[in-house]
C-alpha atoms as a PDB file:
ATOM      1  CA  UNK A   1     -10.791  46.100  39.487  1.00  0.00           C
ATOM      2  CA  UNK A   2     -12.430  43.497  37.450  1.00  0.00           C
ATOM      3  CA  UNK A   3     -11.253  40.180  37.442  1.00  0.00           C
ATOM      4  CA  UNK A   4      -8.696  39.269  34.717  1.00  0.00           C
ATOM      5  CA  UNK A   5      -8.420  35.950  32.601  1.00  0.00           C
ATOM      6  CA  UNK A   6      -5.434  35.057  30.173  1.00  0.00           C
ATOM      7  CA  UNK A   7      -6.327  32.741  27.594  1.00  0.00           C
ATOM      8  CA  UNK A   8      -3.829  31.172  25.354  1.00  0.00           C
ATOM      9  CA  UNK A   9      -4.903  30.341  21.412  1.00  0.00           C
ATOM     10  CA  UNK A  10      -7.648  32.430  21.748  1.00  0.00           C
ATOM     11  CA  UNK A  11      -8.239  33.002  17.909  1.00  0.00           C
ATOM     12  CA  UNK A  12     -10.454  30.084  17.371  1.00  0.00           C
ATOM     13  CA  UNK A  13     -12.238  27.004  18.941  1.00  0.00           C
ATOM     14  CA  UNK A  14     -12.709  26.264  22.850  1.00  0.00           C
ATOM     15  CA  UNK A  15     -10.217  29.302  23.430  1.00  0.00           C
ATOM     16  CA  UNK A  16     -12.024  31.900  21.159  1.00  0.00           C
ATOM     17  CA  UNK A  17     -15.585  30.686  22.952  1.00  0.00           C
ATOM     18  CA  UNK A  18     -13.595  31.236  26.641  1.00  0.00           C
ATOM     19  CA  UNK A  19     -12.873  34.659  25.892  1.00  0.00           C
ATOM     20  CA  UNK A  20     -16.308  35.255  24.811  1.00  0.00           C
ATOM     21  CA  UNK A  21     -17.955  33.712  27.917  1.00  0.00           C
ATOM     22  CA  UNK A  22     -15.762  35.367  30.209  1.00  0.00           C
ATOM     23  CA  UNK A  23     -15.893  38.590  28.783  1.00  0.00           C
ATOM     24  CA  UNK A  24     -20.056  38.001  29.005  1.00  0.00           C
ATOM     25  CA  UNK A  25     -19.256  37.829  32.666  1.00  0.00           C
ATOM     26  CA  UNK A  26     -17.180  40.788  33.059  1.00  0.00           C
ATOM     27  CA  UNK A  27     -13.769  39.363  33.262  1.00  0.00           C
ATOM     28  CA  UNK A  28     -10.979  41.789  31.470  1.00  0.00           C
ATOM     29  CA  UNK A  29      -8.940  39.846  29.180  1.00  0.00           C
ATOM     30  CA  UNK A  30      -5.533  39.092  27.894  1.00  0.00           C
ATOM     31  CA  UNK A  31      -5.944  36.901  24.691  1.00  0.00           C
ATOM     32  CA  UNK A  32      -2.766  35.057  22.908  1.00  0.00           C
ATOM     33  CA  UNK A  33      -2.371  33.752  19.609  1.00  0.00           C
ATOM     34  CA  UNK A  34      -0.369  33.396  16.661  1.00  0.00           C
ATOM     35  CA  UNK A  35      -2.187  35.414  14.309  1.00  0.00           C
ATOM     36  CA  UNK A  36      -2.082  38.898  14.760  1.00  0.00           C
ATOM     37  CA  UNK A  37      -4.991  39.949  12.219  1.00  0.00           C
ATOM     38  CA  UNK A  38      -7.367  37.390  14.155  1.00  0.00           C
ATOM     39  CA  UNK A  39      -6.328  38.745  17.655  1.00  0.00           C
ATOM     40  CA  UNK A  40      -6.871  42.652  16.517  1.00  0.00           C
ATOM     41  CA  UNK A  41     -10.322  41.652  14.731  1.00  0.00           C
ATOM     42  CA  UNK A  42     -11.459  39.530  17.830  1.00  0.00           C
ATOM     43  CA  UNK A  43     -10.655  42.319  20.021  1.00  0.00           C
ATOM     44  CA  UNK A  44     -12.435  44.886  18.584  1.00  0.00           C
ATOM     45  CA  UNK A  45     -15.530  42.471  18.446  1.00  0.00           C
ATOM     46  CA  UNK A  46     -15.056  41.599  22.347  1.00  0.00           C
ATOM     47  CA  UNK A  47     -14.452  45.639  23.311  1.00  0.00           C
ATOM     48  CA  UNK A  48     -17.871  46.447  21.161  1.00  0.00           C
ATOM     49  CA  UNK A  49     -20.094  43.591  22.434  1.00  0.00           C
ATOM     50  CA  UNK A  50     -19.221  43.736  26.178  1.00  0.00           C
ATOM     51  CA  UNK A  51     -17.705  46.526  28.630  1.00  0.00           C
ATOM     52  CA  UNK A  52     -14.342  44.924  29.060  1.00  0.00           C
ATOM     53  CA  UNK A  53     -10.906  46.011  28.260  1.00  0.00           C
ATOM     54  CA  UNK A  54      -8.682  43.153  25.989  1.00  0.00           C
ATOM     55  CA  UNK A  55      -5.151  43.042  25.413  1.00  0.00           C
ATOM     56  CA  UNK A  56      -3.763  40.957  22.793  1.00  0.00           C
ATOM     57  CA  UNK A  57      -0.346  39.358  22.622  1.00  0.00           C
ATOM     58  CA  UNK A  58       0.802  37.850  19.478  1.00  0.00           C
ATOM     59  CA  UNK A  59       3.363  34.900  19.836  1.00  0.00           C
ATOM     60  CA  UNK A  60       3.704  31.281  19.361  1.00  0.00           C
ATOM     61  CA  UNK A  61       3.639  29.438  22.813  1.00  0.00           C
ATOM     62  CA  UNK A  62       6.646  27.220  21.130  1.00  0.00           C
ATOM     63  CA  UNK A  63       8.934  30.189  21.417  1.00  0.00           C
ATOM     64  CA  UNK A  64      10.203  30.521  25.136  1.00  0.00           C
ATOM     65  CA  UNK A  65      11.805  34.210  24.453  1.00  0.00           C
ATOM     66  CA  UNK A  66       8.644  35.089  22.992  1.00  0.00           C
ATOM     67  CA  UNK A  67       6.476  34.202  25.773  1.00  0.00           C
ATOM     68  CA  UNK A  68       8.933  35.692  28.409  1.00  0.00           C
ATOM     69  CA  UNK A  69       9.004  38.692  26.643  1.00  0.00           C
ATOM     70  CA  UNK A  70       5.421  39.323  25.641  1.00  0.00           C
ATOM     71  CA  UNK A  71       4.271  38.497  29.224  1.00  0.00           C
ATOM     72  CA  UNK A  72       6.528  40.123  31.250  1.00  0.00           C
ATOM     73  CA  UNK A  73       6.351  43.129  29.184  1.00  0.00           C
ATOM     74  CA  UNK A  74       2.537  43.382  30.896  1.00  0.00           C
ATOM     75  CA  UNK A  75       1.832  46.209  32.923  1.00  0.00           C
ATOM     76  CA  UNK A  76       1.819  45.165  36.946  1.00  0.00           C
ATOM     77  CA  UNK A  77      -2.208  45.515  36.991  1.00  0.00           C
ATOM     78  CA  UNK A  78      -2.503  43.057  34.106  1.00  0.00           C
ATOM     79  CA  UNK A  79       0.070  40.608  36.151  1.00  0.00           C
ATOM     80  CA  UNK A  80      -2.705  40.214  38.454  1.00  0.00           C
ATOM     81  CA  UNK A  81      -4.051  37.450  36.733  1.00  0.00           C
ATOM     82  CA  UNK A  82      -6.917  35.285  38.250  1.00  0.00           C
ATOM     83  CA  UNK A  83      -7.650  32.669  35.843  1.00  0.00           C
ATOM     84  CA  UNK A  84      -5.104  31.059  33.450  1.00  0.00           C
ATOM     85  CA  UNK A  85      -6.655  28.914  30.790  1.00  0.00           C
ATOM     86  CA  UNK A  86      -3.681  27.012  29.024  1.00  0.00           C
ATOM     87  CA  UNK A  87      -5.782  26.226  26.038  1.00  0.00           C
ATOM     88  CA  UNK A  88      -3.160  26.539  23.013  1.00  0.00           C
ATOM     89  CA  UNK A  89      -2.469  23.126  21.759  1.00  0.00           C
ATOM     90  CA  UNK A  90      -2.621  21.153  18.578  1.00  0.00           C
ATOM     91  CA  UNK A  91      -2.713  17.482  17.043  1.00  0.00           C
ATOM     92  CA  UNK A  92      -0.580  16.997  13.610  1.00  0.00           C
ATOM     93  CA  UNK A  93      -1.054  14.010  11.501  1.00  0.00           C
ATOM     94  CA  UNK A  94      -2.644  10.452  12.298  1.00  0.00           C
ATOM     95  CA  UNK A  95       0.466   8.340  11.265  1.00  0.00           C
ATOM     96  CA  UNK A  96       1.885   5.252  12.845  1.00  0.00           C
ATOM     97  CA  UNK A  97       4.766   5.439  15.072  1.00  0.00           C
ATOM     98  CA  UNK A  98       7.172   3.899  12.694  1.00  0.00           C
ATOM     99  CA  UNK A  99       5.868   6.572  10.048  1.00  0.00           C
ATOM    100  CA  UNK A 100       5.577   9.628  12.064  1.00  0.00           C
ATOM    101  CA  UNK A 101       6.631  12.969  10.796  1.00  0.00           C
ATOM    102  CA  UNK A 102       9.161  14.227  13.070  1.00  0.00           C
ATOM    103  CA  UNK A 103       8.166  17.769  12.075  1.00  0.00           C
ATOM    104  CA  UNK A 104       4.733  17.127  13.587  1.00  0.00           C
ATOM    105  CA  UNK A 105       6.039  15.291  16.268  1.00  0.00           C
ATOM    106  CA  UNK A 106       8.140  18.439  17.457  1.00  0.00           C
ATOM    107  CA  UNK A 107       5.340  20.619  16.772  1.00  0.00           C
ATOM    108  CA  UNK A 108       3.096  18.648  19.210  1.00  0.00           C
ATOM    109  CA  UNK A 109       5.805  18.505  21.940  1.00  0.00           C
ATOM    110  CA  UNK A 110       6.402  22.009  21.772  1.00  0.00           C
ATOM    111  CA  UNK A 111       3.183  23.261  21.712  1.00  0.00           C
ATOM    112  CA  UNK A 112       1.201  20.921  23.966  1.00  0.00           C
ATOM    113  CA  UNK A 113       4.085  20.532  26.705  1.00  0.00           C
ATOM    114  CA  UNK A 114       6.670  23.093  26.490  1.00  0.00           C
ATOM    115  CA  UNK A 115       4.536  26.063  25.881  1.00  0.00           C
ATOM    116  CA  UNK A 116       2.158  24.776  28.024  1.00  0.00           C
ATOM    117  CA  UNK A 117       5.039  25.220  30.885  1.00  0.00           C
ATOM    118  CA  UNK A 118       6.635  28.549  29.943  1.00  0.00           C
ATOM    119  CA  UNK A 119       3.439  30.202  30.199  1.00  0.00           C
ATOM    120  CA  UNK A 120       2.509  28.579  33.534  1.00  0.00           C
ATOM    121  CA  UNK A 121       5.846  29.077  35.106  1.00  0.00           C
ATOM    122  CA  UNK A 122       5.827  32.967  34.571  1.00  0.00           C
ATOM    123  CA  UNK A 123       1.993  33.190  35.334  1.00  0.00           C
ATOM    124  CA  UNK A 124       1.964  30.873  38.536  1.00  0.00           C
ATOM    125  CA  UNK A 125       4.448  33.187  40.002  1.00  0.00           C
ATOM    126  CA  UNK A 126       2.367  36.120  39.739  1.00  0.00           C
ATOM    127  CA  UNK A 127      -0.451  34.294  41.349  1.00  0.00           C
ATOM    128  CA  UNK A 128       1.622  32.996  44.109  1.00  0.00           C
ATOM    129  CA  UNK A 129       2.548  36.889  44.334  1.00  0.00           C
ATOM    130  CA  UNK A 130      -1.191  37.458  44.675  1.00  0.00           C
ATOM    131  CA  UNK A 131      -2.056  34.282  47.072  1.00  0.00           C
ATOM    132  CA  UNK A 132      -4.592  33.230  44.726  1.00  0.00           C
ATOM    133  CA  UNK A 133      -5.160  32.201  41.372  1.00  0.00           C
ATOM    134  CA  UNK A 134      -7.010  29.283  38.967  1.00  0.00           C
ATOM    135  CA  UNK A 135      -5.193  27.653  36.529  1.00  0.00           C
ATOM    136  CA  UNK A 136      -7.108  25.398  33.854  1.00  0.00           C
ATOM    137  CA  UNK A 137      -5.181  23.080  31.501  1.00  0.00           C
ATOM    138  CA  UNK A 138      -7.020  21.607  28.508  1.00  0.00           C
ATOM    139  CA  UNK A 139      -5.884  18.308  27.501  1.00  0.00           C
ATOM    140  CA  UNK A 140      -8.050  15.399  26.065  1.00  0.00           C
ATOM    141  CA  UNK A 141      -9.419  12.070  26.326  1.00  0.00           C
ATOM    142  CA  UNK A 142      -6.055  11.149  24.455  1.00  0.00           C
ATOM    143  CA  UNK A 143      -4.655  12.139  27.874  1.00  0.00           C
ATOM    144  CA  UNK A 144      -6.571   9.243  29.325  1.00  0.00           C
ATOM    145  CA  UNK A 145      -6.561   6.643  26.867  1.00  0.00           C
ATOM    146  CA  UNK A 146      -4.072   5.732  23.940  1.00  0.00           C
ATOM    147  CA  UNK A 147      -5.280   4.850  20.339  1.00  0.00           C
ATOM    148  CA  UNK A 148      -4.251   3.300  16.897  1.00  0.00           C
ATOM    149  CA  UNK A 149      -1.886   6.260  15.198  1.00  0.00           C
ATOM    150  CA  UNK A 150      -2.069   8.554  18.210  1.00  0.00           C
ATOM    151  CA  UNK A 151       0.911   7.891  19.757  1.00  0.00           C
ATOM    152  CA  UNK A 152       2.911  11.155  20.290  1.00  0.00           C
ATOM    153  CA  UNK A 153      -0.213  12.940  20.315  1.00  0.00           C
ATOM    154  CA  UNK A 154      -1.484  11.140  23.347  1.00  0.00           C
ATOM    155  CA  UNK A 155       1.795  10.954  24.877  1.00  0.00           C
ATOM    156  CA  UNK A 156       1.544  15.127  24.872  1.00  0.00           C
ATOM    157  CA  UNK A 157      -1.823  14.884  26.474  1.00  0.00           C
ATOM    158  CA  UNK A 158      -0.987  12.326  28.870  1.00  0.00           C
ATOM    159  CA  UNK A 159       1.878  14.726  29.818  1.00  0.00           C
ATOM    160  CA  UNK A 160      -0.605  17.469  30.178  1.00  0.00           C
ATOM    161  CA  UNK A 161      -2.631  14.907  32.680  1.00  0.00           C
ATOM    162  CA  UNK A 162       0.582  14.392  34.665  1.00  0.00           C
ATOM    163  CA  UNK A 163       1.553  18.163  34.776  1.00  0.00           C
ATOM    164  CA  UNK A 164      -1.997  19.260  35.946  1.00  0.00           C
ATOM    165  CA  UNK A 165      -1.792  16.735  38.855  1.00  0.00           C
ATOM    166  CA  UNK A 166       1.852  18.054  39.598  1.00  0.00           C
ATOM    167  CA  UNK A 167       0.760  21.671  39.697  1.00  0.00           C
ATOM    168  CA  UNK A 168      -2.093  20.968  41.815  1.00  0.00           C
ATOM    169  CA  UNK A 169       0.474  19.343  44.455  1.00  0.00           C
ATOM    170  CA  UNK A 170       3.509  22.302  43.990  1.00  0.00           C
ATOM    171  CA  UNK A 171       0.789  25.232  44.163  1.00  0.00           C
ATOM    172  CA  UNK A 172      -1.468  23.733  47.134  1.00  0.00           C
ATOM    173  CA  UNK A 173       0.658  25.852  49.590  1.00  0.00           C
ATOM    174  CA  UNK A 174      -0.115  29.087  47.553  1.00  0.00           C
ATOM    175  CA  UNK A 175      -3.782  28.340  47.452  1.00  0.00           C
ATOM    176  CA  UNK A 176      -3.953  28.429  43.931  1.00  0.00           C
ATOM    177  CA  UNK A 177      -6.546  26.138  42.180  1.00  0.00           C
ATOM    178  CA  UNK A 178      -5.583  23.831  39.125  1.00  0.00           C
ATOM    179  CA  UNK A 179      -8.381  22.170  37.019  1.00  0.00           C
ATOM    180  CA  UNK A 180      -7.911  19.539  34.109  1.00  0.00           C
ATOM    181  CA  UNK A 181     -10.178  19.415  31.393  1.00  0.00           C
ATOM    182  CA  UNK A 182     -10.552  16.475  29.068  1.00  0.00           C
ATOM    183  CA  UNK A 183     -12.532  16.761  26.335  1.00  0.00           C
ATOM    184  CA  UNK A 184     -13.617  13.950  23.687  1.00  0.00           C
ATOM    185  CA  UNK A 185     -14.650  14.789  20.133  1.00  0.00           C
ATOM    186  CA  UNK A 186     -15.032  18.744  19.739  1.00  0.00           C
ATOM    187  CA  UNK A 187     -15.807  20.125  16.267  1.00  0.00           C
ATOM    188  CA  UNK A 188     -13.321  23.105  15.908  1.00  0.00           C
ATOM    189  CA  UNK A 189     -10.615  23.395  13.903  1.00  0.00           C
ATOM    190  CA  UNK A 190      -8.619  20.785  15.569  1.00  0.00           C
ATOM    191  CA  UNK A 191      -9.054  17.771  12.900  1.00  0.00           C
ATOM    192  CA  UNK A 192      -8.400  20.342  10.123  1.00  0.00           C
ATOM    193  CA  UNK A 193      -4.932  20.995  11.678  1.00  0.00           C
ATOM    194  CA  UNK A 194      -4.247  17.572  12.255  1.00  0.00           C
ATOM    195  CA  UNK A 195      -4.791  16.792   8.600  1.00  0.00           C
ATOM    196  CA  UNK A 196      -2.784  19.444   7.559  1.00  0.00           C
ATOM    197  CA  UNK A 197      -5.691  21.450   6.189  1.00  0.00           C
ATOM    198  CA  UNK A 198      -7.346  18.643   4.190  1.00  0.00           C
ATOM    199  CA  UNK A 199     -11.166  19.646   5.033  1.00  0.00           C
ATOM    200  CA  UNK A 200     -13.002  16.589   3.661  1.00  0.00           C
ATOM    201  CA  UNK A 201     -10.797  14.497   5.721  1.00  0.00           C
ATOM    202  CA  UNK A 202     -11.174  16.510   8.733  1.00  0.00           C
ATOM    203  CA  UNK A 203     -15.325  16.630   8.414  1.00  0.00           C
ATOM    204  CA  UNK A 204     -15.674  12.544   8.183  1.00  0.00           C
ATOM    205  CA  UNK A 205     -14.356  12.886  11.840  1.00  0.00           C
ATOM    206  CA  UNK A 206     -17.643  14.323  12.794  1.00  0.00           C
ATOM    207  CA  UNK A 207     -20.078  11.931  10.917  1.00  0.00           C
ATOM    208  CA  UNK A 208     -22.606   9.842  12.269  1.00  0.00           C
ATOM    209  CA  UNK A 209     -23.163  11.640  15.405  1.00  0.00           C
ATOM    210  CA  UNK A 210     -23.436  15.245  17.209  1.00  0.00           C
ATOM    211  CA  UNK A 211     -19.845  16.206  18.559  1.00  0.00           C
ATOM    212  CA  UNK A 212     -19.536  18.749  21.306  1.00  0.00           C
ATOM    213  CA  UNK A 213     -18.895  22.284  20.219  1.00  0.00           C
ATOM    214  CA  UNK A 214     -16.309  24.647  21.603  1.00  0.00           C
ATOM    215  CA  UNK A 215     -19.021  26.516  23.732  1.00  0.00           C
ATOM    216  CA  UNK A 216     -20.079  23.296  25.457  1.00  0.00           C
ATOM    217  CA  UNK A 217     -16.462  23.276  26.600  1.00  0.00           C
ATOM    218  CA  UNK A 218     -16.139  27.139  27.325  1.00  0.00           C
ATOM    219  CA  UNK A 219     -19.426  26.438  29.713  1.00  0.00           C
ATOM    220  CA  UNK A 220     -17.660  24.011  31.232  1.00  0.00           C
ATOM    221  CA  UNK A 221     -14.693  25.822  32.106  1.00  0.00           C
ATOM    222  CA  UNK A 222     -16.372  28.701  33.454  1.00  0.00           C
ATOM    223  CA  UNK A 223     -18.327  26.505  35.564  1.00  0.00           C
ATOM    224  CA  UNK A 224     -15.122  25.226  37.265  1.00  0.00           C
ATOM    225  CA  UNK A 225     -13.497  28.783  37.589  1.00  0.00           C
ATOM    226  CA  UNK A 226     -16.846  30.044  39.123  1.00  0.00           C
ATOM    227  CA  UNK A 227     -17.209  27.501  42.223  1.00  0.00           C
ATOM    228  CA  UNK A 228     -16.838  28.830  45.721  1.00  0.00           C
ATOM    229  CA  UNK A 229     -13.138  29.318  46.971  1.00  0.00           C
ATOM    230  CA  UNK A 230     -12.784  26.413  49.004  1.00  0.00           C
ATOM    231  CA  UNK A 231     -14.181  24.126  46.146  1.00  0.00           C
ATOM    232  CA  UNK A 232     -11.734  23.071  43.487  1.00  0.00           C
ATOM    233  CA  UNK A 233     -12.789  21.006  40.108  1.00  0.00           C
ATOM    234  CA  UNK A 234      -9.524  18.543  40.044  1.00  0.00           C
ATOM    235  CA  UNK A 235     -10.089  16.894  36.748  1.00  0.00           C
ATOM    236  CA  UNK A 236     -13.083  16.300  34.272  1.00  0.00           C
ATOM    237  CA  UNK A 237     -13.654  14.635  31.391  1.00  0.00           C
ATOM    238  CA  UNK A 238     -16.325  15.688  28.913  1.00  0.00           C
ATOM    239  CA  UNK A 239     -17.566  13.721  25.714  1.00  0.00           C
ATOM    240  CA  UNK A 240     -20.510  14.080  23.434  1.00  0.00           C
ATOM    241  CA  UNK A 241     -23.344  11.844  24.558  1.00  0.00           C
ATOM    242  CA  UNK A 242     -22.448   9.184  21.258  1.00  0.00           C
ATOM    243  CA  UNK A 243     -19.338   8.913  22.733  1.00  0.00           C
ATOM    244  CA  UNK A 244     -18.086   6.697  25.903  1.00  0.00           C
ATOM    245  CA  UNK A 245     -14.656   6.588  25.181  1.00  0.00           C
ATOM    246  CA  UNK A 246     -11.726   6.770  22.538  1.00  0.00           C
ATOM    247  CA  UNK A 247     -13.131   3.383  21.141  1.00  0.00           C
ATOM    248  CA  UNK A 248     -16.691   3.297  21.612  1.00  0.00           C
ATOM    249  CA  UNK A 249     -19.160   5.308  19.769  1.00  0.00           C
ATOM    250  CA  UNK A 250     -23.050   5.157  19.026  1.00  0.00           C
ATOM    251  CA  UNK A 251     -22.852   6.630  15.309  1.00  0.00           C
ATOM    252  CA  UNK A 252     -25.219   6.035  12.647  1.00  0.00           C
ATOM    253  CA  UNK A 253     -23.856   4.640   9.455  1.00  0.00           C
END
């Protein structure tokens, strides 16, 4: 039987690019997202382009009951997940702490931390039963450095960084690999979501340099999960050449 990759937040950006590259390499896919129409369209595309089967699950990772209901309803053969990519995540707002929007805070905390935990708890137990598996957690440079007005988003990605390390320790006795991937500036829908749909404001983030694209991150993720069984890449930070950190850039102005 082909290997199985489960990818959350697979309807756009890094998650979508990951689904493409794993399909290219013969993986059967379980893709999740909040937009049923996009999931259905993407499933059709993948199954048309590659000799793979794709299972779609439409739910919001913030909803614990929906996460459990959808994942546990999978057939036993699909629960033999080889790779889990915890990609679902977002940033909303770019306000100072004292001017923060509480709804934005809740959305980021519930998606980036609790959603990752809900999915990981279930799937990690499936992997334990099989005595193998690989979990990839998508963090951010914001999980390594804090920048002005990043406050809660940075806090959630610092939590992802800590959880990645904790998973590595807790799942070590079961032979399960865990990898954290921490991108810098990647041009996806990320900034559009951060600025609540303001595309002009979002576009300014990527002016003056060549940012990473989703495919860059997907290729890196695939590399980490294709290493020999005795190799685990614990933690990896990847940024565009024009970015050295959250603070240092080489931009044309």
